[in-house]
Amino acid sequence: MKSITLPDIVTAGIFNAELAYKSKIITPNRKTTMFELELPVTDGGISYINDTSRPISKNTVICAKPGQFRHTKLPFKCYFVHIIVKEGRLFDVLSALPDYIELADREKILETFTALCESFEGGTSKEDILSQSLLLRLIYELDKTAAATRKTYSPKSSNQRVIEETVQYIKDNISGELTLELLSERVNFSKVYFHKLFRASCGKNLREYIEEQRIKAAIELLTSTDKTLTQIAYECGFSSQSYFSYAFKRRTGRTPREYAKAIFKEYELQDKEI
């Protein structure tokens, strides 16, 4: 068995972003220089790593790697451990962890995090040994959980289920950020493989499908509510009202206002005929 080079535990404890950034809603974007493992204390807020984002959940461990860019929409409070390891087996394991790991057994991970934070704060030589052993246990548990998730979403056995779940996720989160990076990471597929799989299953690429669903949701709001175009645009996940109008006309041949007027006119004619 090859020896394992122990990582350097730089810091560990509990972090409350609302106290650290009292006047801010979003923390500054920064480039990470080490591995950062975090277990949220409560749900709420949004975590951003590179081009992906994920609603913060206490049942999800955040695993940021050196060189990534990250920031957070508050609120955010978490147990954390920041470590440096530059090569070897542990570096490979940590680098391969997904940025977000959904937990089947949060209590076990929480127990390890809290014990690790307490031993690190102790600072004695004996507690340093305990901190290292707890960190190795934490990395092992996270790697095992990530491996189980990858197995659950094995492309050989559950491709269709993955696509069906992705389609439902898109419909349930139409107002949120729906990127190839985020959706492929959810099912632990590479971006290239997931893109090919989605196109083969749905007959269109992911961007086209998402835009199509957003236009459908917008039509529903246009014809059943008195919301403004700006409100509809943001509720349906468009970055701006101007882009919403552009995308809508490109797909329907009419602007949102023209489309709504035509629908209402059709309803009026039907009422007169009755």
Protein backbone atom coordinates (compact mmCIF):
# COMPACT_ATOMS: atom_id res chain seq x y z
CA MET A 1 0.00 0.00 0.00
CA LYS A 2 1.33 3.41 -0.97
CA SER A 3 1.89 5.92 1.82
CA ILE A 4 -0.42 8.92 2.16
CA THR A 5 1.02 12.39 2.60
CA LEU A 6 -1.06 14.12 5.25
CA PRO A 7 -2.59 17.45 4.23
CA ASP A 8 -1.98 20.71 6.02
CA ILE A 9 -5.14 21.78 7.87
CA VAL A 10 -5.03 25.57 7.48
CA THR A 11 -8.20 26.36 9.40
CA ALA A 12 -11.46 24.81 10.56
CA GLY A 13 -14.51 26.03 12.43
CA ILE A 14 -17.91 27.68 11.91
CA PHE A 15 -18.30 30.55 9.45
CA ASN A 16 -21.25 32.97 9.33
CA ALA A 17 -21.11 35.04 6.14
CA GLU A 18 -23.81 37.42 7.39
CA LEU A 19 -21.53 38.52 10.23
CA ALA A 20 -18.47 38.74 8.01
CA TYR A 21 -20.28 40.71 5.30
CA LYS A 22 -22.86 42.70 7.27
CA SER A 23 -23.78 45.18 4.52
CA LYS A 24 -23.64 42.76 1.59
CA ILE A 25 -26.09 40.40 -0.06
CA ILE A 26 -23.44 38.58 -2.10
CA THR A 27 -19.87 37.85 -1.01
CA PRO A 28 -17.02 39.06 -3.26
CA ASN A 29 -15.95 36.70 -6.03
CA ARG A 30 -12.59 35.16 -5.19
CA LYS A 31 -10.15 32.56 -6.49
CA THR A 32 -9.58 29.64 -4.12
CA THR A 33 -6.02 28.65 -3.26
CA MET A 34 -6.74 25.43 -1.38
CA PHE A 35 -9.41 22.74 -0.91
CA GLU A 36 -12.44 24.09 0.96
CA LEU A 37 -14.94 21.60 2.41
CA GLU A 38 -18.12 23.08 3.86
CA LEU A 39 -21.29 21.72 5.46
CA PRO A 40 -24.11 24.33 5.59
CA VAL A 41 -25.86 24.69 8.93
CA THR A 42 -29.20 25.67 7.37
CA ASP A 43 -30.88 25.92 3.98
CA GLY A 44 -30.88 29.24 2.16
CA GLY A 45 -28.72 31.31 -0.13
CA ILE A 46 -26.97 30.24 -3.32
CA SER A 47 -23.44 28.91 -3.85
CA TYR A 48 -21.59 29.85 -7.04
CA ILE A 49 -18.49 27.95 -8.20
CA ASN A 50 -17.07 28.94 -11.59
CA ASP A 51 -20.04 28.92 -14.01
CA THR A 52 -22.33 26.74 -11.88
CA SER A 53 -24.68 27.57 -9.04
CA ARG A 54 -26.61 25.55 -6.50
CA PRO A 55 -29.18 26.47 -3.83
CA ILE A 56 -27.51 26.01 -0.46
CA SER A 57 -28.84 23.01 1.45
CA LYS A 58 -27.77 21.61 4.81
CA ASN A 59 -27.87 18.16 3.14
CA THR A 60 -25.20 19.10 0.60
CA VAL A 61 -21.45 19.42 1.19
CA ILE A 62 -19.68 22.09 -0.86
CA CYS A 63 -16.25 20.98 -2.16
CA ALA A 64 -14.29 23.86 -3.71
CA LYS A 65 -10.91 23.15 -5.30
CA PRO A 66 -7.77 25.27 -5.79
CA GLY A 67 -8.07 27.62 -8.77
CA GLN A 68 -11.86 27.80 -8.80
CA PHE A 69 -13.72 31.09 -8.58
CA ARG A 70 -16.53 31.23 -6.04
CA HIS A 71 -18.93 33.55 -4.28
CA THR A 72 -22.11 33.14 -2.28
CA LYS A 73 -25.51 34.79 -2.08
CA LEU A 74 -26.41 35.15 1.58
CA PRO A 75 -27.56 33.84 4.00
CA PHE A 76 -24.83 31.28 4.51
CA LYS A 77 -23.52 29.65 7.68
CA CYS A 78 -21.42 26.49 7.65
CA TYR A 79 -18.92 24.19 9.30
CA PHE A 80 -15.73 24.34 7.27
CA VAL A 81 -12.24 22.97 6.90
CA HIS A 82 -9.64 24.44 4.54
CA ILE A 83 -6.67 22.24 3.66
CA ILE A 84 -3.59 22.23 1.47
CA VAL A 85 -2.43 19.10 -0.32
CA LYS A 86 -0.53 19.42 -3.58
CA GLU A 87 0.03 15.87 -4.80
CA GLY A 88 -0.52 12.19 -4.12
CA ARG A 89 -3.57 10.02 -3.53
CA LEU A 90 -5.45 12.50 -1.35
CA PHE A 91 -4.97 15.24 -3.92
CA ASP A 92 -6.42 12.96 -6.60
CA VAL A 93 -9.40 12.00 -4.43
CA LEU A 94 -10.18 15.60 -3.44
CA SER A 95 -9.81 16.86 -7.01
CA ALA A 96 -12.26 14.23 -8.26
CA LEU A 97 -15.01 15.12 -5.76
CA PRO A 98 -18.05 16.89 -7.25
CA ASP A 99 -18.39 20.55 -6.25
CA TYR A 100 -21.65 19.61 -4.50
CA ILE A 101 -22.26 16.27 -2.79
CA GLU A 102 -25.80 15.39 -1.70
CA LEU A 103 -25.78 13.48 1.59
CA ALA A 104 -27.75 10.35 2.38
CA ASP A 105 -26.61 10.46 6.02
CA ARG A 106 -26.03 14.05 7.13
CA GLU A 107 -25.66 13.14 10.81
CA LYS A 108 -22.53 11.08 10.18
CA ILE A 109 -20.89 13.90 8.20
CA LEU A 110 -22.05 16.51 10.72
CA GLU A 111 -20.53 14.48 13.56
CA THR A 112 -17.18 14.34 11.76
CA PHE A 113 -17.23 18.04 10.88
CA THR A 114 -18.03 19.14 14.44
CA ALA A 115 -15.43 16.83 15.99
CA LEU A 116 -12.83 18.04 13.48
CA CYS A 117 -13.57 21.70 14.23
CA GLU A 118 -13.38 21.10 18.00
CA SER A 119 -10.09 19.19 17.80
CA PHE A 120 -8.55 21.84 15.53
CA GLU A 121 -9.46 24.59 18.01
CA GLY A 122 -7.74 22.61 20.78
CA GLY A 123 -4.34 23.03 19.19
CA THR A 124 -2.39 20.42 21.20
CA SER A 125 -0.18 17.82 19.54
CA LYS A 126 -2.56 15.02 20.49
CA GLU A 127 -5.51 16.94 19.09
CA ASP A 128 -3.54 17.58 15.88
CA ILE A 129 -3.32 13.82 15.42
CA LEU A 130 -7.06 13.55 16.07
CA SER A 131 -7.77 16.34 13.55
CA GLN A 132 -5.81 14.52 10.87
CA SER A 133 -7.61 11.24 11.53
CA LEU A 134 -11.00 12.99 11.43
CA LEU A 135 -10.08 14.76 8.19
CA LEU A 136 -9.12 11.45 6.57
CA ARG A 137 -12.42 9.98 7.74
CA LEU A 138 -14.30 12.95 6.29
CA ILE A 139 -12.57 12.65 2.91
CA TYR A 140 -13.26 8.91 2.87
CA GLU A 141 -16.97 9.41 3.64
CA LEU A 142 -17.34 12.14 1.00
CA ASP A 143 -15.59 10.04 -1.62
CA LYS A 144 -17.77 7.04 -0.76
CA THR A 145 -20.94 9.14 -0.99
CA ALA A 146 -19.88 10.62 -4.32
CA ALA A 147 -19.05 7.15 -5.67
CA ALA A 148 -22.48 5.85 -4.61
CA THR A 149 -24.14 8.77 -6.43
CA ARG A 150 -22.17 8.05 -9.58
CA LYS A 151 -23.25 4.41 -9.40
CA THR A 152 -26.90 5.42 -8.94
CA TYR A 153 -26.71 7.44 -12.13
CA SER A 154 -24.80 4.85 -14.13
CA PRO A 155 -25.20 5.73 -17.84
CA LYS A 156 -25.52 2.05 -18.74
CA SER A 157 -28.55 1.38 -16.57
CA SER A 158 -30.44 4.61 -16.09
CA ASN A 159 -29.97 6.99 -19.01
CA GLN A 160 -33.68 7.41 -19.62
CA ARG A 161 -34.44 7.96 -15.96
CA VAL A 162 -31.72 10.62 -15.79
CA ILE A 163 -33.22 12.50 -18.73
CA GLU A 164 -36.76 12.20 -17.34
CA GLU A 165 -35.61 13.55 -13.97
CA THR A 166 -33.69 16.37 -15.69
CA VAL A 167 -36.73 17.36 -17.74
CA GLN A 168 -38.85 17.48 -14.57
CA TYR A 169 -36.15 19.47 -12.75
CA ILE A 170 -36.12 22.02 -15.57
CA LYS A 171 -39.91 22.41 -15.41
CA ASP A 172 -39.87 22.75 -11.62
CA ASN A 173 -37.04 25.31 -11.66
CA ILE A 174 -37.84 27.27 -14.81
CA SER A 175 -37.05 30.60 -13.14
CA GLY A 176 -33.65 29.46 -11.90
CA GLU A 177 -30.23 29.14 -13.48
CA LEU A 178 -30.28 26.11 -15.78
CA THR A 179 -26.88 25.63 -17.34
CA LEU A 180 -25.26 22.61 -18.96
CA GLU A 181 -22.66 22.66 -16.18
CA LEU A 182 -25.27 22.61 -13.41
CA LEU A 183 -27.52 19.95 -14.94
CA SER A 184 -24.70 17.60 -15.95
CA GLU A 185 -23.15 17.93 -12.49
CA ARG A 186 -26.48 17.04 -10.84
CA VAL A 187 -26.34 13.59 -12.45
CA ASN A 188 -22.52 13.24 -12.33
CA PHE A 189 -22.09 13.06 -16.11
CA SER A 190 -19.50 14.94 -18.10
CA LYS A 191 -20.84 17.98 -19.95
CA VAL A 192 -20.05 16.46 -23.34
CA TYR A 193 -21.70 13.10 -22.61
CA PHE A 194 -24.76 14.68 -20.97
CA HIS A 195 -25.25 17.06 -23.91
CA LYS A 196 -25.14 14.19 -26.41
CA LEU A 197 -27.47 12.06 -24.27
CA PHE A 198 -30.01 14.85 -23.86
CA ARG A 199 -30.06 15.66 -27.57
CA ALA A 200 -30.45 12.00 -28.52
CA SER A 201 -33.33 11.58 -26.05
CA CYS A 202 -35.20 14.84 -26.66
CA GLY A 203 -34.40 15.58 -30.30
CA LYS A 204 -33.01 19.02 -29.48
CA ASN A 205 -30.12 20.41 -27.52
CA LEU A 206 -30.43 21.50 -23.90
CA ARG A 207 -30.42 25.25 -24.59
CA GLU A 208 -33.21 24.93 -27.15
CA TYR A 209 -35.31 22.79 -24.82
CA ILE A 210 -34.93 25.15 -21.86
CA GLU A 211 -35.82 28.18 -23.97
CA GLU A 212 -38.83 26.35 -25.37
CA GLN A 213 -40.08 25.56 -21.86
CA ARG A 214 -39.51 29.15 -20.74
CA ILE A 215 -41.51 30.47 -23.68
CA LYS A 216 -44.35 28.06 -22.82
CA ALA A 217 -44.33 29.28 -19.22
CA ALA A 218 -44.30 32.89 -20.43
CA ILE A 219 -47.31 32.29 -22.69
CA GLU A 220 -49.21 30.90 -19.74
CA LEU A 221 -48.46 34.03 -17.70
CA LEU A 222 -49.17 36.37 -20.63
CA THR A 223 -52.63 34.95 -21.17
CA SER A 224 -53.69 34.30 -17.58
CA THR A 225 -52.23 37.15 -15.51
CA ASP A 226 -51.77 40.92 -15.68
CA LYS A 227 -48.06 40.77 -14.84
CA THR A 228 -45.67 43.08 -16.65
CA LEU A 229 -43.26 41.80 -19.30
CA THR A 230 -40.38 42.40 -16.89
CA GLN A 231 -42.02 40.30 -14.19
CA ILE A 232 -42.80 37.53 -16.66
CA ALA A 233 -39.27 37.61 -18.05
CA TYR A 234 -37.65 37.07 -14.66
CA GLU A 235 -40.22 34.54 -13.46
CA CYS A 236 -39.50 32.46 -16.56
CA GLY A 237 -35.73 32.62 -16.16
CA PHE A 238 -34.78 35.18 -18.81
CA SER A 239 -31.88 37.49 -17.99
CA SER A 240 -33.76 40.61 -19.08
CA GLN A 241 -37.03 41.79 -20.56
CA SER A 242 -35.31 42.76 -23.82
CA TYR A 243 -33.83 39.29 -24.30
CA PHE A 244 -37.18 37.73 -23.38
CA SER A 245 -38.90 39.76 -26.13
CA TYR A 246 -36.18 38.84 -28.63
CA ALA A 247 -36.35 35.11 -27.85
CA PHE A 248 -40.15 35.15 -27.83
CA LYS A 249 -40.39 36.75 -31.29
CA ARG A 250 -37.73 34.44 -32.68
CA ARG A 251 -39.77 31.40 -31.64
CA THR A 252 -43.33 32.60 -32.21
CA GLY A 253 -42.92 35.24 -34.90
CA ARG A 254 -44.55 37.86 -32.65
CA THR A 255 -43.52 40.02 -29.75
CA PRO A 256 -45.07 39.10 -26.38
CA ARG A 257 -47.50 42.03 -26.60
CA GLU A 258 -48.51 41.13 -30.16
CA TYR A 259 -49.04 37.53 -29.14
CA ALA A 260 -51.18 38.45 -26.14
CA LYS A 261 -53.30 40.87 -28.20
CA ALA A 262 -53.92 38.16 -30.83
CA ILE A 263 -54.99 35.67 -28.17
CA PHE A 264 -57.34 38.13 -26.47
CA LYS A 265 -58.80 39.11 -29.85
CA GLU A 266 -59.44 35.45 -30.60
CA TYR A 267 -61.21 35.06 -27.25
CA GLU A 268 -63.39 38.10 -28.02
CA LEU A 269 -64.42 36.68 -31.39
CA GLN A 270 -65.31 33.38 -29.78
CA ASP A 271 -67.44 35.18 -27.17
CA LYS A 272 -69.34 37.09 -29.90
CA GLU A 273 -70.03 33.86 -31.81
CA ILE A 274 -71.44 32.29 -28.66
